[in-house]
Amino acid sequence: MNKVLIILSLLLLAGCAKADQISDDYPLIKDRKHIFQYTNATKVIEILKGESKIDELEVIVFTFPECPWCQESLPRVNQVAKELAITEVLLLNVREMRDLKTPEYMEIFELVKDDIEFGEGSKERERINVPTIIVVKNGEIVGSHLSTVASHAIDENKVLPPMTDEQDAEFKAILRNLFAK
């Protein structure tokens, strides 16, 4: 009986650890039942090539924890996705692979480059900006969005302020439109 309790406790802790890692990396995500899952480049490539077995929309966010726009956007992505009954959003930390231009990153770049937005000069430098949110259906990118909203910018102190209520509403409207594709 004690062994069963120990095993069940370990399984419970292991399940919590995965969700807690995302919450640790993105502390503005207060929802303990968020729908984010970390993924890897292989899975993203499979989805982008239409090799995924899932027959519904798949949402992928190219992100990394040090990005202030990512920190601000993910709680809203979670909220809107849940409102629209999306059950999972995949997060791919692209920072290191992008900086190193790994073969997997370059394959992802080639698969998305014609369907996503880029910051000035980023496409020529083969750089996926973050956060880039893509919506994929059967291997086809049906929508994408870069960053939060145009007015959400670094201030004179080189700090990204929290989104205003107006920016929040504008960004959520963008997400609702994006996820409804």
N, C-alpha and C. Protein backbone atom coordinates (compact mmCIF):
# COMPACT_ATOMS: atom_id res chain seq x y z
N MET A 1 0.83 -1.20 0.00
CA MET A 1 0.00 0.00 0.00
C MET A 1 0.87 1.25 0.00
N ASN A 2 1.92 1.25 0.85
CA ASN A 2 2.82 2.41 0.91
C ASN A 2 3.52 2.64 -0.42
N LYS A 3 3.90 1.55 -1.09
CA LYS A 3 4.56 1.69 -2.39
C LYS A 3 3.62 2.33 -3.41
N VAL A 4 2.36 1.96 -3.38
CA VAL A 4 1.38 2.54 -4.30
C VAL A 4 1.24 4.03 -4.03
N LEU A 5 1.16 4.43 -2.78
CA LEU A 5 1.05 5.85 -2.44
C LEU A 5 2.28 6.63 -2.87
N ILE A 6 3.44 6.04 -2.70
CA ILE A 6 4.68 6.71 -3.12
C ILE A 6 4.70 6.88 -4.63
N ILE A 7 4.34 5.84 -5.35
CA ILE A 7 4.33 5.91 -6.82
C ILE A 7 3.31 6.94 -7.29
N LEU A 8 2.12 6.94 -6.71
CA LEU A 8 1.11 7.93 -7.08
C LEU A 8 1.58 9.35 -6.77
N SER A 9 2.24 9.53 -5.65
CA SER A 9 2.77 10.85 -5.29
C SER A 9 3.83 11.31 -6.28
N LEU A 10 4.70 10.40 -6.68
CA LEU A 10 5.74 10.74 -7.65
C LEU A 10 5.14 11.10 -9.00
N LEU A 11 4.13 10.35 -9.43
CA LEU A 11 3.46 10.67 -10.69
C LEU A 11 2.78 12.03 -10.63
N LEU A 12 2.16 12.33 -9.52
CA LEU A 12 1.51 13.63 -9.35
C LEU A 12 2.54 14.75 -9.40
N LEU A 13 3.65 14.57 -8.72
CA LEU A 13 4.71 15.58 -8.74
C LEU A 13 5.31 15.75 -10.13
N ALA A 14 5.48 14.66 -10.85
CA ALA A 14 6.03 14.75 -12.20
C ALA A 14 5.08 15.51 -13.11
N GLY A 15 3.79 15.28 -12.98
CA GLY A 15 2.81 16.01 -13.79
C GLY A 15 2.80 17.48 -13.46
N CYS A 16 2.95 17.83 -12.20
CA CYS A 16 2.97 19.24 -11.79
C CYS A 16 4.25 19.92 -12.26
N ALA A 17 5.34 19.19 -12.30
CA ALA A 17 6.62 19.80 -12.67
C ALA A 17 6.60 20.36 -14.08
N LYS A 18 5.94 19.66 -15.00
CA LYS A 18 5.90 20.13 -16.38
C LYS A 18 5.16 21.46 -16.47
N ALA A 19 4.01 21.55 -15.84
CA ALA A 19 3.24 22.79 -15.86
C ALA A 19 3.99 23.88 -15.11
N ASP A 20 4.63 23.53 -14.02
CA ASP A 20 5.35 24.51 -13.23
C ASP A 20 6.55 25.07 -13.97
N GLN A 21 7.19 24.30 -14.84
CA GLN A 21 8.34 24.82 -15.59
C GLN A 21 7.90 25.97 -16.49
N ILE A 22 6.78 25.82 -17.13
CA ILE A 22 6.26 26.89 -17.98
C ILE A 22 5.91 28.10 -17.13
N SER A 23 5.24 27.87 -16.00
CA SER A 23 4.89 28.97 -15.10
C SER A 23 6.14 29.63 -14.53
N ASP A 24 7.17 28.84 -14.27
CA ASP A 24 8.44 29.42 -13.79
C ASP A 24 9.09 30.26 -14.87
N ASP A 25 9.06 29.78 -16.10
CA ASP A 25 9.68 30.51 -17.21
C ASP A 25 8.88 31.75 -17.59
N TYR A 26 7.57 31.67 -17.43
CA TYR A 26 6.67 32.77 -17.82
C TYR A 26 5.78 33.12 -16.62
N PRO A 27 6.32 33.85 -15.64
CA PRO A 27 5.60 34.08 -14.38
C PRO A 27 4.30 34.88 -14.51
N LEU A 28 4.08 35.56 -15.62
CA LEU A 28 2.81 36.28 -15.78
C LEU A 28 1.65 35.32 -16.09
N ILE A 29 1.97 34.06 -16.40
CA ILE A 29 0.92 33.05 -16.58
C ILE A 29 0.50 32.61 -15.18
N LYS A 30 -0.63 33.09 -14.74
CA LYS A 30 -1.13 32.78 -13.39
C LYS A 30 -2.06 31.58 -13.39
N ASP A 31 -2.56 31.20 -14.54
CA ASP A 31 -3.48 30.08 -14.68
C ASP A 31 -2.72 28.77 -14.50
N ARG A 32 -2.95 28.09 -13.40
CA ARG A 32 -2.26 26.83 -13.13
C ARG A 32 -2.75 25.70 -14.04
N LYS A 33 -3.86 25.93 -14.73
CA LYS A 33 -4.38 24.93 -15.67
C LYS A 33 -4.22 25.44 -17.10
N HIS A 34 -3.09 26.12 -17.33
CA HIS A 34 -2.85 26.65 -18.67
C HIS A 34 -2.74 25.51 -19.67
N ILE A 35 -2.84 25.86 -20.94
CA ILE A 35 -2.87 24.83 -21.99
C ILE A 35 -1.55 24.75 -22.77
N PHE A 36 -0.52 25.36 -22.25
CA PHE A 36 0.77 25.35 -22.93
C PHE A 36 1.51 24.04 -22.70
N GLN A 37 2.22 23.62 -23.74
CA GLN A 37 3.12 22.47 -23.67
C GLN A 37 4.40 22.86 -24.39
N TYR A 38 5.53 22.58 -23.76
CA TYR A 38 6.78 22.75 -24.50
C TYR A 38 6.86 21.68 -25.57
N THR A 39 7.46 22.04 -26.69
CA THR A 39 7.64 21.08 -27.77
C THR A 39 9.07 21.19 -28.27
N ASN A 40 9.40 20.39 -29.27
CA ASN A 40 10.75 20.44 -29.83
C ASN A 40 10.66 20.70 -31.34
N ALA A 41 11.80 20.95 -31.93
CA ALA A 41 11.86 21.29 -33.35
C ALA A 41 11.33 20.16 -34.23
N THR A 42 11.61 18.93 -33.86
CA THR A 42 11.15 17.79 -34.65
C THR A 42 9.63 17.77 -34.75
N LYS A 43 8.95 17.99 -33.64
CA LYS A 43 7.48 18.01 -33.63
C LYS A 43 6.95 19.17 -34.47
N VAL A 44 7.57 20.35 -34.36
CA VAL A 44 7.12 21.51 -35.14
C VAL A 44 7.30 21.24 -36.64
N ILE A 45 8.41 20.66 -37.02
CA ILE A 45 8.64 20.32 -38.43
C ILE A 45 7.58 19.33 -38.92
N GLU A 46 7.28 18.35 -38.10
CA GLU A 46 6.24 17.37 -38.44
C GLU A 46 4.89 18.06 -38.68
N ILE A 47 4.54 18.98 -37.81
CA ILE A 47 3.27 19.72 -37.95
C ILE A 47 3.29 20.56 -39.22
N LEU A 48 4.38 21.27 -39.45
CA LEU A 48 4.48 22.16 -40.61
C LEU A 48 4.48 21.40 -41.94
N LYS A 49 4.91 20.16 -41.91
CA LYS A 49 4.91 19.33 -43.12
C LYS A 49 3.60 18.56 -43.29
N GLY A 50 2.68 18.75 -42.36
CA GLY A 50 1.40 18.06 -42.45
C GLY A 50 1.46 16.61 -42.05
N GLU A 51 2.49 16.24 -41.31
CA GLU A 51 2.66 14.85 -40.89
C GLU A 51 2.08 14.57 -39.51
N SER A 52 1.49 15.57 -38.91
CA SER A 52 0.86 15.41 -37.61
C SER A 52 -0.43 14.63 -37.77
N LYS A 53 -0.74 13.84 -36.79
CA LYS A 53 -1.97 13.03 -36.84
C LYS A 53 -3.18 13.81 -36.35
N ILE A 54 -2.96 15.01 -35.85
CA ILE A 54 -4.05 15.82 -35.33
C ILE A 54 -4.79 16.47 -36.49
N ASP A 55 -6.11 16.41 -36.46
CA ASP A 55 -6.92 16.92 -37.57
C ASP A 55 -7.60 18.24 -37.23
N GLU A 56 -7.06 18.95 -36.26
CA GLU A 56 -7.64 20.24 -35.88
C GLU A 56 -6.55 21.31 -35.97
N LEU A 57 -6.93 22.52 -35.69
CA LEU A 57 -5.95 23.60 -35.69
C LEU A 57 -4.87 23.33 -34.66
N GLU A 58 -3.65 23.63 -35.03
CA GLU A 58 -2.55 23.53 -34.08
C GLU A 58 -1.94 24.92 -33.96
N VAL A 59 -1.73 25.33 -32.72
CA VAL A 59 -1.17 26.65 -32.45
C VAL A 59 0.23 26.45 -31.90
N ILE A 60 1.18 27.16 -32.52
CA ILE A 60 2.58 27.10 -32.10
C ILE A 60 3.04 28.52 -31.84
N VAL A 61 3.75 28.71 -30.73
CA VAL A 61 4.33 30.01 -30.43
C VAL A 61 5.85 29.85 -30.40
N PHE A 62 6.53 30.61 -31.26
CA PHE A 62 7.99 30.70 -31.20
C PHE A 62 8.29 31.74 -30.14
N THR A 63 9.06 31.37 -29.15
CA THR A 63 9.20 32.19 -27.95
C THR A 63 10.53 31.93 -27.27
N PHE A 64 10.84 32.69 -26.24
CA PHE A 64 11.82 32.35 -25.23
C PHE A 64 11.57 33.22 -24.01
N PRO A 65 11.88 32.70 -22.81
CA PRO A 65 11.50 33.38 -21.57
C PRO A 65 12.09 34.78 -21.39
N GLU A 66 13.23 35.06 -21.96
CA GLU A 66 13.86 36.36 -21.77
C GLU A 66 13.20 37.47 -22.59
N CYS A 67 12.28 37.14 -23.44
CA CYS A 67 11.60 38.11 -24.31
C CYS A 67 10.44 38.75 -23.55
N PRO A 68 10.48 40.08 -23.32
CA PRO A 68 9.40 40.71 -22.57
C PRO A 68 8.05 40.67 -23.29
N TRP A 69 8.04 40.72 -24.62
CA TRP A 69 6.78 40.62 -25.37
C TRP A 69 6.19 39.22 -25.21
N CYS A 70 7.04 38.21 -25.13
CA CYS A 70 6.56 36.84 -24.90
C CYS A 70 5.90 36.75 -23.53
N GLN A 71 6.55 37.34 -22.53
CA GLN A 71 6.00 37.33 -21.18
C GLN A 71 4.61 37.97 -21.15
N GLU A 72 4.45 39.07 -21.86
CA GLU A 72 3.17 39.78 -21.88
C GLU A 72 2.12 39.06 -22.71
N SER A 73 2.54 38.41 -23.78
CA SER A 73 1.56 37.83 -24.70
C SER A 73 1.00 36.49 -24.23
N LEU A 74 1.81 35.65 -23.61
CA LEU A 74 1.37 34.28 -23.34
C LEU A 74 0.14 34.17 -22.43
N PRO A 75 0.01 34.97 -21.37
CA PRO A 75 -1.23 34.85 -20.58
C PRO A 75 -2.48 35.13 -21.41
N ARG A 76 -2.37 36.06 -22.33
CA ARG A 76 -3.51 36.41 -23.19
C ARG A 76 -3.77 35.32 -24.23
N VAL A 77 -2.70 34.74 -24.76
CA VAL A 77 -2.85 33.61 -25.70
C VAL A 77 -3.60 32.49 -24.99
N ASN A 78 -3.20 32.18 -23.77
CA ASN A 78 -3.85 31.13 -23.00
C ASN A 78 -5.33 31.44 -22.79
N GLN A 79 -5.63 32.65 -22.37
CA GLN A 79 -7.01 33.03 -22.09
C GLN A 79 -7.90 32.93 -23.34
N VAL A 80 -7.45 33.50 -24.44
CA VAL A 80 -8.26 33.49 -25.66
C VAL A 80 -8.38 32.08 -26.23
N ALA A 81 -7.29 31.33 -26.22
CA ALA A 81 -7.35 29.96 -26.73
C ALA A 81 -8.35 29.13 -25.92
N LYS A 82 -8.33 29.26 -24.62
CA LYS A 82 -9.28 28.52 -23.79
C LYS A 82 -10.71 28.96 -24.07
N GLU A 83 -10.92 30.26 -24.24
CA GLU A 83 -12.27 30.76 -24.58
C GLU A 83 -12.79 30.10 -25.86
N LEU A 84 -11.89 29.83 -26.79
CA LEU A 84 -12.28 29.27 -28.09
C LEU A 84 -12.14 27.74 -28.13
N ALA A 85 -12.01 27.13 -26.96
CA ALA A 85 -11.96 25.67 -26.82
C ALA A 85 -10.74 25.03 -27.47
N ILE A 86 -9.67 25.79 -27.61
CA ILE A 86 -8.39 25.21 -28.04
C ILE A 86 -7.79 24.55 -26.82
N THR A 87 -7.38 23.30 -26.95
CA THR A 87 -6.96 22.54 -25.78
C THR A 87 -5.45 22.50 -25.57
N GLU A 88 -4.69 22.94 -26.57
CA GLU A 88 -3.23 22.90 -26.43
C GLU A 88 -2.59 23.96 -27.32
N VAL A 89 -1.60 24.63 -26.76
CA VAL A 89 -0.76 25.56 -27.51
C VAL A 89 0.67 25.13 -27.27
N LEU A 90 1.40 24.90 -28.35
CA LEU A 90 2.79 24.44 -28.26
C LEU A 90 3.74 25.62 -28.21
N LEU A 91 4.72 25.54 -27.32
CA LEU A 91 5.75 26.56 -27.20
C LEU A 91 7.08 25.99 -27.66
N LEU A 92 7.74 26.69 -28.56
CA LEU A 92 9.07 26.29 -29.00
C LEU A 92 10.04 27.41 -28.68
N ASN A 93 10.97 27.13 -27.78
CA ASN A 93 12.01 28.09 -27.43
C ASN A 93 13.03 28.08 -28.57
N VAL A 94 13.05 29.17 -29.33
CA VAL A 94 13.90 29.23 -30.53
C VAL A 94 15.22 29.96 -30.31
N ARG A 95 15.45 30.50 -29.13
CA ARG A 95 16.60 31.39 -28.95
C ARG A 95 17.93 30.75 -29.34
N GLU A 96 18.28 29.66 -28.69
CA GLU A 96 19.59 29.06 -28.95
C GLU A 96 19.68 28.50 -30.36
N MET A 97 18.65 27.78 -30.81
CA MET A 97 18.70 27.18 -32.15
C MET A 97 18.75 28.26 -33.22
N ARG A 98 18.08 29.39 -32.97
CA ARG A 98 18.08 30.51 -33.92
C ARG A 98 19.47 31.14 -33.96
N ASP A 99 20.05 31.37 -32.79
CA ASP A 99 21.37 31.99 -32.74
C ASP A 99 22.45 31.10 -33.38
N LEU A 100 22.29 29.79 -33.21
CA LEU A 100 23.27 28.84 -33.77
C LEU A 100 22.92 28.43 -35.20
N LYS A 101 21.72 28.80 -35.65
CA LYS A 101 21.23 28.39 -36.97
C LYS A 101 21.39 26.88 -37.17
N THR A 102 20.84 26.14 -36.22
CA THR A 102 20.91 24.68 -36.30
C THR A 102 20.16 24.19 -37.54
N PRO A 103 20.46 22.99 -38.00
CA PRO A 103 19.74 22.45 -39.17
C PRO A 103 18.23 22.41 -38.94
N GLU A 104 17.79 22.07 -37.72
CA GLU A 104 16.36 22.02 -37.43
C GLU A 104 15.75 23.41 -37.52
N TYR A 105 16.44 24.40 -36.98
CA TYR A 105 15.94 25.77 -37.04
C TYR A 105 15.83 26.23 -38.50
N MET A 106 16.86 25.95 -39.28
CA MET A 106 16.85 26.38 -40.68
C MET A 106 15.71 25.70 -41.46
N GLU A 107 15.41 24.45 -41.11
CA GLU A 107 14.29 23.77 -41.76
C GLU A 107 12.97 24.44 -41.37
N ILE A 108 12.81 24.76 -40.09
CA ILE A 108 11.61 25.48 -39.65
C ILE A 108 11.53 26.82 -40.36
N PHE A 109 12.63 27.55 -40.41
CA PHE A 109 12.64 28.86 -41.07
C PHE A 109 12.16 28.74 -42.52
N GLU A 110 12.69 27.76 -43.24
CA GLU A 110 12.29 27.57 -44.64
C GLU A 110 10.80 27.24 -44.76
N LEU A 111 10.27 26.51 -43.80
CA LEU A 111 8.86 26.12 -43.85
C LEU A 111 7.91 27.28 -43.51
N VAL A 112 8.39 28.27 -42.75
CA VAL A 112 7.50 29.36 -42.31
C VAL A 112 7.77 30.70 -42.97
N LYS A 113 8.90 30.87 -43.61
CA LYS A 113 9.35 32.20 -44.03
C LYS A 113 8.39 32.95 -44.94
N ASP A 114 7.60 32.25 -45.71
CA ASP A 114 6.67 32.93 -46.63
C ASP A 114 5.32 33.24 -45.99
N ASP A 115 5.14 32.79 -44.74
CA ASP A 115 3.81 32.91 -44.12
C ASP A 115 3.80 33.67 -42.80
N ILE A 116 4.94 34.19 -42.36
CA ILE A 116 4.97 34.91 -41.09
C ILE A 116 5.48 36.33 -41.29
N GLU A 117 5.25 37.16 -40.27
CA GLU A 117 5.74 38.53 -40.28
C GLU A 117 7.18 38.55 -39.77
N PHE A 118 7.93 39.54 -40.25
CA PHE A 118 9.31 39.70 -39.81
C PHE A 118 9.55 41.13 -39.38
N GLY A 119 10.45 41.30 -38.42
CA GLY A 119 10.93 42.64 -38.09
C GLY A 119 11.87 43.10 -39.20
N GLU A 120 12.19 44.37 -39.19
CA GLU A 120 13.04 44.95 -40.24
C GLU A 120 14.37 44.19 -40.35
N GLY A 121 14.66 43.67 -41.54
CA GLY A 121 15.91 42.98 -41.82
C GLY A 121 15.98 41.55 -41.31
N SER A 122 14.97 41.09 -40.60
CA SER A 122 15.03 39.76 -40.00
C SER A 122 14.95 38.63 -41.01
N LYS A 123 14.14 38.80 -42.06
CA LYS A 123 14.02 37.72 -43.04
C LYS A 123 15.35 37.49 -43.73
N GLU A 124 16.03 38.56 -44.08
CA GLU A 124 17.34 38.44 -44.74
C GLU A 124 18.36 37.77 -43.81
N ARG A 125 18.21 37.98 -42.52
CA ARG A 125 19.13 37.37 -41.55
C ARG A 125 18.64 36.00 -41.09
N GLU A 126 17.57 35.51 -41.71
CA GLU A 126 17.00 34.20 -41.38
C GLU A 126 16.65 34.12 -39.89
N ARG A 127 15.95 35.14 -39.42
CA ARG A 127 15.65 35.28 -38.00
C ARG A 127 14.14 35.33 -37.77
N ILE A 128 13.61 34.33 -37.09
CA ILE A 128 12.21 34.34 -36.67
C ILE A 128 12.14 35.19 -35.41
N ASN A 129 11.38 36.29 -35.48
CA ASN A 129 11.21 37.14 -34.31
C ASN A 129 10.23 36.48 -33.34
N VAL A 130 10.33 36.89 -32.08
CA VAL A 130 9.44 36.34 -31.05
C VAL A 130 8.72 37.46 -30.34
N PRO A 131 7.51 37.18 -29.86
CA PRO A 131 6.75 35.96 -30.09
C PRO A 131 6.09 35.96 -31.47
N THR A 132 6.28 34.88 -32.18
CA THR A 132 5.53 34.65 -33.42
C THR A 132 4.56 33.52 -33.13
N ILE A 133 3.30 33.79 -33.35
CA ILE A 133 2.23 32.82 -33.12
C ILE A 133 1.78 32.35 -34.50
N ILE A 134 1.78 31.03 -34.71
CA ILE A 134 1.28 30.51 -35.98
C ILE A 134 0.14 29.53 -35.72
N VAL A 135 -0.79 29.51 -36.64
CA VAL A 135 -1.91 28.57 -36.60
C VAL A 135 -1.77 27.70 -37.84
N VAL A 136 -1.75 26.39 -37.61
CA VAL A 136 -1.49 25.42 -38.68
C VAL A 136 -2.67 24.46 -38.78
N LYS A 137 -3.09 24.20 -40.00
CA LYS A 137 -4.14 23.21 -40.28
C LYS A 137 -3.65 22.32 -41.41
N ASN A 138 -3.50 21.04 -41.13
CA ASN A 138 -3.05 20.06 -42.12
C ASN A 138 -1.77 20.50 -42.82
N GLY A 139 -0.82 21.01 -42.07
CA GLY A 139 0.47 21.39 -42.63
C GLY A 139 0.50 22.75 -43.29
N GLU A 140 -0.61 23.46 -43.30
CA GLU A 140 -0.65 24.78 -43.93
C GLU A 140 -0.80 25.85 -42.84
N ILE A 141 0.06 26.85 -42.90
CA ILE A 141 -0.07 27.97 -41.97
C ILE A 141 -1.24 28.81 -42.45
N VAL A 142 -2.29 28.86 -41.63
CA VAL A 142 -3.49 29.60 -42.01
C VAL A 142 -3.54 30.98 -41.37
N GLY A 143 -2.60 31.26 -40.50
CA GLY A 143 -2.53 32.58 -39.88
C GLY A 143 -1.30 32.70 -39.01
N SER A 144 -0.85 33.94 -38.84
CA SER A 144 0.28 34.18 -37.95
C SER A 144 0.20 35.60 -37.42
N HIS A 145 0.89 35.82 -36.31
CA HIS A 145 0.96 37.16 -35.72
C HIS A 145 2.30 37.30 -35.01
N LEU A 146 2.90 38.47 -35.16
CA LEU A 146 4.18 38.77 -34.52
C LEU A 146 3.96 39.79 -33.41
N SER A 147 4.51 39.53 -32.25
CA SER A 147 4.55 40.45 -31.12
C SER A 147 3.18 40.57 -30.45
N THR A 148 2.90 41.75 -29.91
CA THR A 148 1.61 42.00 -29.26
C THR A 148 0.83 42.94 -30.16
N VAL A 149 0.90 44.26 -29.88
CA VAL A 149 0.28 45.27 -30.74
C VAL A 149 1.32 46.36 -31.01
N ALA A 150 1.14 47.09 -32.09
CA ALA A 150 2.13 48.09 -32.53
C ALA A 150 2.44 49.13 -31.46
N SER A 151 1.44 49.51 -30.69
CA SER A 151 1.66 50.56 -29.68
C SER A 151 2.36 50.06 -28.42
N HIS A 152 2.54 48.76 -28.30
CA HIS A 152 3.19 48.19 -27.11
C HIS A 152 4.70 48.13 -27.36
N ALA A 153 5.37 49.18 -26.92
CA ALA A 153 6.79 49.35 -27.25
C ALA A 153 7.60 49.68 -26.00
N ILE A 154 8.89 49.49 -26.12
CA ILE A 154 9.82 49.83 -25.05
C ILE A 154 9.76 51.33 -24.79
N ASP A 155 9.77 51.71 -23.51
CA ASP A 155 9.69 53.13 -23.17
C ASP A 155 11.07 53.78 -23.17
N GLU A 156 11.11 55.05 -22.79
CA GLU A 156 12.38 55.81 -22.81
C GLU A 156 13.43 55.23 -21.86
N ASN A 157 13.01 54.42 -20.89
CA ASN A 157 13.94 53.76 -19.97
C ASN A 157 14.36 52.38 -20.46
N LYS A 158 13.99 52.07 -21.70
CA LYS A 158 14.31 50.78 -22.33
C LYS A 158 13.66 49.60 -21.58
N VAL A 159 12.45 49.86 -21.11
CA VAL A 159 11.66 48.85 -20.40
C VAL A 159 10.33 48.69 -21.14
N LEU A 160 9.88 47.46 -21.28
CA LEU A 160 8.57 47.22 -21.87
C LEU A 160 7.52 47.31 -20.77
N PRO A 161 6.65 48.32 -20.83
CA PRO A 161 5.63 48.44 -19.78
C PRO A 161 4.55 47.38 -19.95
N PRO A 162 3.80 47.11 -18.89
CA PRO A 162 2.65 46.21 -19.04
C PRO A 162 1.68 46.77 -20.07
N MET A 163 0.92 45.89 -20.68
CA MET A 163 -0.06 46.33 -21.67
C MET A 163 -1.17 47.13 -20.98
N THR A 164 -1.63 48.17 -21.65
CA THR A 164 -2.77 48.93 -21.15
C THR A 164 -4.05 48.14 -21.42
N ASP A 165 -5.15 48.59 -20.86
CA ASP A 165 -6.43 47.93 -21.12
C ASP A 165 -6.77 47.96 -22.61
N GLU A 166 -6.47 49.07 -23.26
CA GLU A 166 -6.75 49.19 -24.69
C GLU A 166 -5.88 48.23 -25.50
N GLN A 167 -4.59 48.15 -25.16
CA GLN A 167 -3.69 47.22 -25.85
C GLN A 167 -4.13 45.78 -25.62
N ASP A 168 -4.52 45.48 -24.39
CA ASP A 168 -4.99 44.15 -24.04
C ASP A 168 -6.20 43.78 -24.90
N ALA A 169 -7.17 44.67 -25.00
CA ALA A 169 -8.37 44.40 -25.80
C ALA A 169 -8.02 44.24 -27.28
N GLU A 170 -7.13 45.09 -27.78
CA GLU A 170 -6.72 45.00 -29.19
C GLU A 170 -6.02 43.67 -29.47
N PHE A 171 -5.11 43.28 -28.59
CA PHE A 171 -4.37 42.04 -28.79
C PHE A 171 -5.30 40.83 -28.72
N LYS A 172 -6.21 40.82 -27.77
CA LYS A 172 -7.15 39.70 -27.66
C LYS A 172 -8.05 39.61 -28.89
N ALA A 173 -8.43 40.74 -29.46
CA ALA A 173 -9.22 40.73 -30.70
C ALA A 173 -8.41 40.12 -31.84
N ILE A 174 -7.14 40.47 -31.92
CA ILE A 174 -6.25 39.88 -32.94
C ILE A 174 -6.18 38.37 -32.75
N LEU A 175 -6.02 37.93 -31.51
CA LEU A 175 -5.92 36.50 -31.23
C LEU A 175 -7.23 35.77 -31.57
N ARG A 176 -8.36 36.36 -31.22
CA ARG A 176 -9.64 35.72 -31.54
C ARG A 176 -9.79 35.53 -33.05
N ASN A 177 -9.42 36.53 -33.80
CA ASN A 177 -9.47 36.44 -35.25
C ASN A 177 -8.49 35.38 -35.77
N LEU A 178 -7.30 35.36 -35.22
CA LEU A 178 -6.27 34.41 -35.63
C LEU A 178 -6.71 32.97 -35.34
N PHE A 179 -7.23 32.73 -34.15
CA PHE A 179 -7.59 31.37 -33.74
C PHE A 179 -8.89 30.89 -34.38
N ALA A 180 -9.65 31.79 -34.97
CA ALA A 180 -10.92 31.42 -35.60
C ALA A 180 -10.74 30.94 -37.03
N LYS A 181 -9.53 30.88 -37.51
CA LYS A 181 -9.27 30.53 -38.92
C LYS A 181 -9.55 29.07 -39.19
